[in-house]
């Protein structure tokens, strides 16, 4: 299942890296939250939306890489995994998500895996039509909007 992420115009969602202060601000895109196997969604710490903000930043970096976004398309595979790890850790330390260092470790390792790296380097791993999301062309009317740190997350299936 994919959902349409639409950044808020007045107070957009972003992540600033502590390391260098670089600001990563996702644009409109389709996301599945965390690419967690459905079989373990019920296990605490492994919901595809448990670390939604970190997953959205990571998905944006993946989209930016494949769509050659001029602002955020220059991250390496390793940096993308590190940024997801930083995002999860930030959420845990700020109380935005439960502290589970085991989940943090296992999710980070999965995102650093050779399988994940294969998707990163595979040119056809993302439908290029998703590079230009038309926010005014919904396939269905939005029914549920959740505000996450100033971002709008449209929870409609496409």
C-alpha atoms as a PDB file:
ATOM      1  CA  UNK A   1       0.000   0.000   0.000  1.00  0.00           C
ATOM      2  CA  UNK A   2       1.247   3.432  -0.922  1.00  0.00           C
ATOM      3  CA  UNK A   3       0.038   6.743   0.376  1.00  0.00           C
ATOM      4  CA  UNK A   4       0.483  10.271  -0.891  1.00  0.00           C
ATOM      5  CA  UNK A   5       2.638  12.527   1.288  1.00  0.00           C
ATOM      6  CA  UNK A   6       1.906  16.217   0.748  1.00  0.00           C
ATOM      7  CA  UNK A   7       4.135  18.708   2.584  1.00  0.00           C
ATOM      8  CA  UNK A   8       2.401  21.547   4.395  1.00  0.00           C
ATOM      9  CA  UNK A   9       2.892  24.874   2.635  1.00  0.00           C
ATOM     10  CA  UNK A  10       3.299  27.114   5.695  1.00  0.00           C
ATOM     11  CA  UNK A  11       5.271  24.869   8.033  1.00  0.00           C
ATOM     12  CA  UNK A  12       6.752  22.015   5.981  1.00  0.00           C
ATOM     13  CA  UNK A  13       8.113  18.865   7.565  1.00  0.00           C
ATOM     14  CA  UNK A  14      11.896  18.518   7.449  1.00  0.00           C
ATOM     15  CA  UNK A  15      14.815  16.836   9.171  1.00  0.00           C
ATOM     16  CA  UNK A  16      18.029  18.698  10.016  1.00  0.00           C
ATOM     17  CA  UNK A  17      21.087  16.555  10.480  1.00  0.00           C
ATOM     18  CA  UNK A  18      23.056  17.177  13.654  1.00  0.00           C
ATOM     19  CA  UNK A  19      26.289  16.235  11.855  1.00  0.00           C
ATOM     20  CA  UNK A  20      26.279  19.060   9.301  1.00  0.00           C
ATOM     21  CA  UNK A  21      22.969  20.915   9.732  1.00  0.00           C
ATOM     22  CA  UNK A  22      21.802  19.857   6.291  1.00  0.00           C
ATOM     23  CA  UNK A  23      18.047  20.220   5.996  1.00  0.00           C
ATOM     24  CA  UNK A  24      16.152  17.443   4.209  1.00  0.00           C
ATOM     25  CA  UNK A  25      12.642  18.539   3.253  1.00  0.00           C
ATOM     26  CA  UNK A  26      10.545  15.976   1.382  1.00  0.00           C
ATOM     27  CA  UNK A  27       8.420  17.053  -1.562  1.00  0.00           C
ATOM     28  CA  UNK A  28       5.131  15.442  -2.529  1.00  0.00           C
ATOM     29  CA  UNK A  29       5.636  11.714  -3.077  1.00  0.00           C
ATOM     30  CA  UNK A  30       4.121   8.307  -2.613  1.00  0.00           C
ATOM     31  CA  UNK A  31       5.330   6.412   0.455  1.00  0.00           C
ATOM     32  CA  UNK A  32       4.645   3.128   2.158  1.00  0.00           C
ATOM     33  CA  UNK A  33       6.027   4.277   5.493  1.00  0.00           C
ATOM     34  CA  UNK A  34       8.562   1.692   6.562  1.00  0.00           C
ATOM     35  CA  UNK A  35       8.991  -1.215   4.171  1.00  0.00           C
ATOM     36  CA  UNK A  36       8.338  -3.689   6.963  1.00  0.00           C
ATOM     37  CA  UNK A  37       7.105  -7.187   6.058  1.00  0.00           C
ATOM     38  CA  UNK A  38       3.390  -7.326   6.910  1.00  0.00           C
ATOM     39  CA  UNK A  39       3.916 -10.534   8.871  1.00  0.00           C
ATOM     40  CA  UNK A  40       5.650  -8.586  11.689  1.00  0.00           C
ATOM     41  CA  UNK A  41       3.564  -5.373  11.713  1.00  0.00           C
ATOM     42  CA  UNK A  42       2.002  -6.427  15.021  1.00  0.00           C
ATOM     43  CA  UNK A  43       5.369  -6.809  16.761  1.00  0.00           C
ATOM     44  CA  UNK A  44       6.112  -3.690  18.868  1.00  0.00           C
ATOM     45  CA  UNK A  45       8.605  -1.459  17.052  1.00  0.00           C
ATOM     46  CA  UNK A  46       7.871  -2.863  13.578  1.00  0.00           C
ATOM     47  CA  UNK A  47       4.770  -1.015  12.388  1.00  0.00           C
ATOM     48  CA  UNK A  48       5.291   0.609   8.971  1.00  0.00           C
ATOM     49  CA  UNK A  49       4.221   3.883  10.648  1.00  0.00           C
ATOM     50  CA  UNK A  50       5.933   3.479  14.045  1.00  0.00           C
ATOM     51  CA  UNK A  51       8.772   5.766  12.996  1.00  0.00           C
ATOM     52  CA  UNK A  52       6.758   7.557  10.290  1.00  0.00           C
ATOM     53  CA  UNK A  53       8.798  10.770  10.192  1.00  0.00           C
ATOM     54  CA  UNK A  54      12.096   8.886   9.793  1.00  0.00           C
ATOM     55  CA  UNK A  55      10.574   6.577   7.172  1.00  0.00           C
ATOM     56  CA  UNK A  56       9.214   9.531   5.198  1.00  0.00           C
ATOM     57  CA  UNK A  57      12.649  11.211   5.182  1.00  0.00           C
ATOM     58  CA  UNK A  58      14.263   7.946   4.043  1.00  0.00           C
ATOM     59  CA  UNK A  59      11.624   7.377   1.345  1.00  0.00           C
ATOM     60  CA  UNK A  60      12.170  10.930   0.126  1.00  0.00           C
ATOM     61  CA  UNK A  61      15.925  10.349  -0.167  1.00  0.00           C
ATOM     62  CA  UNK A  62      15.204   7.184  -2.197  1.00  0.00           C
ATOM     63  CA  UNK A  63      12.774   9.063  -4.470  1.00  0.00           C
ATOM     64  CA  UNK A  64      15.185  12.016  -4.786  1.00  0.00           C
ATOM     65  CA  UNK A  65      17.991   9.616  -5.747  1.00  0.00           C
ATOM     66  CA  UNK A  66      15.956   7.855  -8.437  1.00  0.00           C
ATOM     67  CA  UNK A  67      14.375  11.059  -9.743  1.00  0.00           C
ATOM     68  CA  UNK A  68      17.675  12.955  -9.630  1.00  0.00           C
ATOM     69  CA  UNK A  69      16.250  15.726  -7.463  1.00  0.00           C
ATOM     70  CA  UNK A  70      18.710  18.652  -7.519  1.00  0.00           C
ATOM     71  CA  UNK A  71      18.376  19.336  -3.773  1.00  0.00           C
ATOM     72  CA  UNK A  72      18.433  15.866  -2.209  1.00  0.00           C
ATOM     73  CA  UNK A  73      19.407  13.460  -4.983  1.00  0.00           C
ATOM     74  CA  UNK A  74      23.102  13.438  -4.071  1.00  0.00           C
ATOM     75  CA  UNK A  75      23.015  11.190  -0.981  1.00  0.00           C
ATOM     76  CA  UNK A  76      24.806   7.847  -1.186  1.00  0.00           C
ATOM     77  CA  UNK A  77      23.185   4.550  -0.249  1.00  0.00           C
ATOM     78  CA  UNK A  78      25.179   4.458   2.999  1.00  0.00           C
ATOM     79  CA  UNK A  79      24.171   8.040   3.866  1.00  0.00           C
ATOM     80  CA  UNK A  80      20.500   7.214   3.273  1.00  0.00           C
ATOM     81  CA  UNK A  81      20.693   4.363   5.790  1.00  0.00           C
ATOM     82  CA  UNK A  82      22.574   6.531   8.281  1.00  0.00           C
ATOM     83  CA  UNK A  83      19.975   9.296   7.975  1.00  0.00           C
ATOM     84  CA  UNK A  84      17.156   6.810   8.658  1.00  0.00           C
ATOM     85  CA  UNK A  85      19.057   5.651  11.746  1.00  0.00           C
ATOM     86  CA  UNK A  86      19.537   9.275  12.868  1.00  0.00           C
ATOM     87  CA  UNK A  87      15.832   9.958  12.340  1.00  0.00           C
ATOM     88  CA  UNK A  88      14.708   6.952  14.394  1.00  0.00           C
ATOM     89  CA  UNK A  89      17.170   7.803  17.168  1.00  0.00           C
ATOM     90  CA  UNK A  90      16.005  11.431  17.193  1.00  0.00           C
ATOM     91  CA  UNK A  91      12.370  10.340  17.489  1.00  0.00           C
ATOM     92  CA  UNK A  92      13.197   7.999  20.365  1.00  0.00           C
ATOM     93  CA  UNK A  93      15.257  10.614  22.237  1.00  0.00           C
ATOM     94  CA  UNK A  94      12.584  13.310  21.772  1.00  0.00           C
ATOM     95  CA  UNK A  95       9.782  11.039  22.965  1.00  0.00           C
ATOM     96  CA  UNK A  96       8.091  10.966  19.547  1.00  0.00           C
ATOM     97  CA  UNK A  97       8.396   7.163  19.468  1.00  0.00           C
ATOM     98  CA  UNK A  98       8.974   4.460  22.072  1.00  0.00           C
ATOM     99  CA  UNK A  99      12.598   3.695  22.861  1.00  0.00           C
ATOM    100  CA  UNK A 100      13.533   0.356  21.406  1.00  0.00           C
ATOM    101  CA  UNK A 101      17.206   0.141  20.621  1.00  0.00           C
ATOM    102  CA  UNK A 102      16.681  -3.404  19.354  1.00  0.00           C
ATOM    103  CA  UNK A 103      14.150  -2.164  16.758  1.00  0.00           C
ATOM    104  CA  UNK A 104      16.466   0.743  15.911  1.00  0.00           C
ATOM    105  CA  UNK A 105      19.373  -1.641  15.348  1.00  0.00           C
ATOM    106  CA  UNK A 106      17.454  -4.243  13.327  1.00  0.00           C
ATOM    107  CA  UNK A 107      15.696  -1.675  11.115  1.00  0.00           C
ATOM    108  CA  UNK A 108      18.999   0.095  10.462  1.00  0.00           C
ATOM    109  CA  UNK A 109      20.697  -3.200   9.570  1.00  0.00           C
ATOM    110  CA  UNK A 110      17.841  -4.139   7.215  1.00  0.00           C
ATOM    111  CA  UNK A 111      18.136  -0.784   5.442  1.00  0.00           C
ATOM    112  CA  UNK A 112      21.910  -1.301   5.096  1.00  0.00           C
ATOM    113  CA  UNK A 113      21.472  -4.820   3.674  1.00  0.00           C
ATOM    114  CA  UNK A 114      22.638  -5.963   0.237  1.00  0.00           C
ATOM    115  CA  UNK A 115      18.979  -6.439  -0.742  1.00  0.00           C
ATOM    116  CA  UNK A 116      18.193  -2.797   0.073  1.00  0.00           C
ATOM    117  CA  UNK A 117      21.357  -1.694  -1.713  1.00  0.00           C
ATOM    118  CA  UNK A 118      20.193  -3.600  -4.785  1.00  0.00           C
ATOM    119  CA  UNK A 119      16.983  -1.527  -4.856  1.00  0.00           C
ATOM    120  CA  UNK A 120      19.015   1.655  -4.460  1.00  0.00           C
ATOM    121  CA  UNK A 121      21.205   0.895  -7.474  1.00  0.00           C
ATOM    122  CA  UNK A 122      18.506  -0.671  -9.673  1.00  0.00           C
ATOM    123  CA  UNK A 123      17.295   2.008 -12.109  1.00  0.00           C
ATOM    124  CA  UNK A 124      13.922   0.366 -12.662  1.00  0.00           C
ATOM    125  CA  UNK A 125      13.162  -0.108  -8.961  1.00  0.00           C
ATOM    126  CA  UNK A 126      10.868   2.917  -8.999  1.00  0.00           C
ATOM    127  CA  UNK A 127       8.163   3.847 -11.478  1.00  0.00           C
ATOM    128  CA  UNK A 128       9.395   7.090 -13.073  1.00  0.00           C
ATOM    129  CA  UNK A 129       5.816   8.410 -13.217  1.00  0.00           C
ATOM    130  CA  UNK A 130       6.140   8.851  -9.441  1.00  0.00           C
ATOM    131  CA  UNK A 131       8.837  11.492  -9.959  1.00  0.00           C
ATOM    132  CA  UNK A 132       6.239  14.152 -10.752  1.00  0.00           C
ATOM    133  CA  UNK A 133       3.411  13.849  -8.250  1.00  0.00           C
ATOM    134  CA  UNK A 134       0.460  15.993  -9.234  1.00  0.00           C
ATOM    135  CA  UNK A 135      -1.099  17.089  -5.974  1.00  0.00           C
ATOM    136  CA  UNK A 136      -4.259  18.257  -7.757  1.00  0.00           C
ATOM    137  CA  UNK A 137      -4.948  14.866  -9.345  1.00  0.00           C
ATOM    138  CA  UNK A 138      -6.214  12.574  -6.606  1.00  0.00           C
ATOM    139  CA  UNK A 139      -7.631   9.264  -7.735  1.00  0.00           C
ATOM    140  CA  UNK A 140     -10.029   9.384  -4.777  1.00  0.00           C
ATOM    141  CA  UNK A 141     -11.072  12.167  -2.449  1.00  0.00           C
ATOM    142  CA  UNK A 142      -8.927  12.409   0.683  1.00  0.00           C
ATOM    143  CA  UNK A 143     -10.713  10.943   3.673  1.00  0.00           C
ATOM    144  CA  UNK A 144      -8.133  11.116   6.440  1.00  0.00           C
ATOM    145  CA  UNK A 145      -5.421  13.687   6.971  1.00  0.00           C
ATOM    146  CA  UNK A 146      -2.969  13.321   9.826  1.00  0.00           C
ATOM    147  CA  UNK A 147      -0.699  16.191  10.809  1.00  0.00           C
ATOM    148  CA  UNK A 148       2.833  15.076  11.695  1.00  0.00           C
ATOM    149  CA  UNK A 149       5.141  17.926  12.743  1.00  0.00           C
ATOM    150  CA  UNK A 150       3.496  20.328  10.307  1.00  0.00           C
ATOM    151  CA  UNK A 151       3.362  17.816   7.455  1.00  0.00           C
ATOM    152  CA  UNK A 152       0.201  16.501   5.918  1.00  0.00           C
ATOM    153  CA  UNK A 153       0.070  12.772   5.382  1.00  0.00           C
ATOM    154  CA  UNK A 154      -2.717  11.765   3.070  1.00  0.00           C
ATOM    155  CA  UNK A 155      -3.735   8.262   4.067  1.00  0.00           C
ATOM    156  CA  UNK A 156      -5.653   7.378   0.905  1.00  0.00           C
ATOM    157  CA  UNK A 157      -4.660   4.364  -1.105  1.00  0.00           C
ATOM    158  CA  UNK A 158      -3.932   5.265  -4.698  1.00  0.00           C
END
